[in-house]
């Protein structure tokens, strides 16, 4: 499965990509929402977006809303360094919202499995 990771922090993006590649996913990375939208146009086989919440210019929630407004119904997992429930409350339709911490090695693959099963 092809996954798009959107994060303005290159180190965090690499860490997330490593976790996903270790699970067998093909990972694309974008440093912001604009680059993410371009990549999604270039790579129509991407099946899932994993995005940071707090990015300059366009937040992860705003990226999610933009995708929905374009009619793209890709499963979307939001990562945040803040309280995941507060981020989820801002946009309840997001498929999953996880704490961006060292437990992601376990929580992210589990969330992906749950989100993809619900979207099949």
Protein backbone atom coordinates (compact mmCIF):
# COMPACT_ATOMS: atom_id res chain seq x y z
CA UNK A 1 0.00 0.00 0.00
CA UNK A 2 1.17 3.52 -0.79
CA UNK A 3 1.10 6.10 2.00
CA UNK A 4 1.71 9.86 1.91
CA UNK A 5 3.43 11.33 4.98
CA UNK A 6 3.04 15.10 5.36
CA UNK A 7 5.28 16.77 7.93
CA UNK A 8 7.27 20.00 7.91
CA UNK A 9 9.87 18.49 10.26
CA UNK A 10 12.25 16.38 8.12
CA UNK A 11 13.42 14.30 11.10
CA UNK A 12 9.86 13.48 12.16
CA UNK A 13 8.91 12.66 8.56
CA UNK A 14 11.86 10.28 8.27
CA UNK A 15 10.94 8.59 11.56
CA UNK A 16 7.33 8.11 10.44
CA UNK A 17 8.47 6.86 7.03
CA UNK A 18 10.83 4.37 8.70
CA UNK A 19 8.00 2.98 10.85
CA UNK A 20 5.76 2.62 7.79
CA UNK A 21 8.43 1.15 5.51
CA UNK A 22 9.23 -1.35 8.25
CA UNK A 23 5.58 -2.44 7.97
CA UNK A 24 5.97 -2.91 4.21
CA UNK A 25 4.31 0.30 3.02
CA UNK A 26 5.61 2.37 0.11
CA UNK A 27 6.02 5.88 1.50
CA UNK A 28 5.96 9.27 -0.19
CA UNK A 29 6.87 12.38 1.79
CA UNK A 30 5.71 15.98 1.48
CA UNK A 31 6.98 18.86 3.59
CA UNK A 32 3.70 20.81 3.47
CA UNK A 33 0.10 20.70 2.27
CA UNK A 34 0.87 22.24 -1.13
CA UNK A 35 3.52 19.59 -1.85
CA UNK A 36 1.09 16.93 -0.57
CA UNK A 37 -1.62 17.99 -3.01
CA UNK A 38 0.91 17.94 -5.88
CA UNK A 39 2.09 14.46 -4.91
CA UNK A 40 -1.47 13.17 -4.71
CA UNK A 41 -2.05 14.42 -8.26
CA UNK A 42 1.17 12.74 -9.46
CA UNK A 43 0.63 9.48 -7.55
CA UNK A 44 -3.04 8.47 -7.80
CA UNK A 45 -2.30 5.07 -6.22
CA UNK A 46 -1.71 6.66 -2.78
CA UNK A 47 -4.31 5.10 -0.48
CA UNK A 48 -3.71 6.85 2.86
CA UNK A 49 -2.52 10.21 4.19
CA UNK A 50 -0.65 10.53 7.50
CA UNK A 51 -0.26 14.22 8.33
CA UNK A 52 1.20 16.34 11.08
CA UNK A 53 -1.31 18.71 12.67
CA UNK A 54 0.86 21.78 13.22
CA UNK A 55 2.50 22.96 10.01
CA UNK A 56 3.11 26.48 8.71
CA UNK A 57 0.51 27.98 6.36
CA UNK A 58 -1.85 24.99 6.16
CA UNK A 59 -2.52 22.71 9.15
CA UNK A 60 -3.23 19.01 8.95
CA UNK A 61 -6.93 19.67 9.60
CA UNK A 62 -7.01 22.25 6.80
CA UNK A 63 -5.31 19.75 4.46
CA UNK A 64 -7.96 17.16 5.35
CA UNK A 65 -10.73 19.66 4.64
CA UNK A 66 -9.14 20.64 1.31
CA UNK A 67 -8.97 17.00 0.23
CA UNK A 68 -12.63 16.53 1.14
CA UNK A 69 -13.61 19.69 -0.77
CA UNK A 70 -11.86 18.22 -3.83
CA UNK A 71 -13.89 15.04 -3.49
CA UNK A 72 -10.92 12.95 -2.34
CA UNK A 73 -12.07 10.50 0.28
CA UNK A 74 -8.70 9.10 1.28
CA UNK A 75 -8.36 7.69 4.78
CA UNK A 76 -6.59 10.34 6.88
CA UNK A 77 -4.58 9.96 10.09
CA UNK A 78 -3.61 13.12 11.95
CA UNK A 79 -0.51 13.23 14.17
CA UNK A 80 -0.16 15.82 16.89
CA UNK A 81 2.24 16.70 19.67
CA UNK A 82 -0.70 18.15 21.56
CA UNK A 83 -3.80 16.46 22.96
CA UNK A 84 -5.16 14.18 20.19
CA UNK A 85 -8.72 14.53 21.49
CA UNK A 86 -8.61 18.32 21.09
CA UNK A 87 -7.40 17.92 17.49
CA UNK A 88 -10.07 15.30 16.86
CA UNK A 89 -12.71 17.65 18.27
CA UNK A 90 -11.66 20.28 15.71
CA UNK A 91 -12.45 17.84 12.87
CA UNK A 92 -14.38 14.76 14.11
CA UNK A 93 -14.57 13.20 10.62
CA UNK A 94 -10.81 12.51 10.54
CA UNK A 95 -10.28 8.74 10.61
CA UNK A 96 -7.76 8.74 13.47
CA UNK A 97 -5.76 11.18 15.55
CA UNK A 98 -2.62 10.00 17.33
CA UNK A 99 -0.10 11.46 19.71
CA UNK A 100 3.16 12.11 17.89
CA UNK A 101 5.53 10.40 20.31
CA UNK A 102 7.83 7.40 20.67
CA UNK A 103 4.92 4.96 20.91
CA UNK A 104 4.09 5.59 17.22
CA UNK A 105 6.07 2.49 16.27
CA UNK A 106 3.15 0.55 17.73
CA UNK A 107 0.22 2.98 17.62
CA UNK A 108 0.59 4.08 13.98
CA UNK A 109 0.54 0.59 12.38
CA UNK A 110 -2.40 -0.35 14.62
CA UNK A 111 -4.29 2.81 13.64
CA UNK A 112 -3.59 2.19 9.95
CA UNK A 113 -4.91 -1.36 10.17
CA UNK A 114 -8.08 -0.16 11.91
CA UNK A 115 -8.64 2.79 9.53
CA UNK A 116 -8.06 0.72 6.39
CA UNK A 117 -10.39 -2.05 7.62
CA UNK A 118 -13.10 0.54 8.26
CA UNK A 119 -12.63 2.09 4.80
CA UNK A 120 -12.73 -1.12 2.74
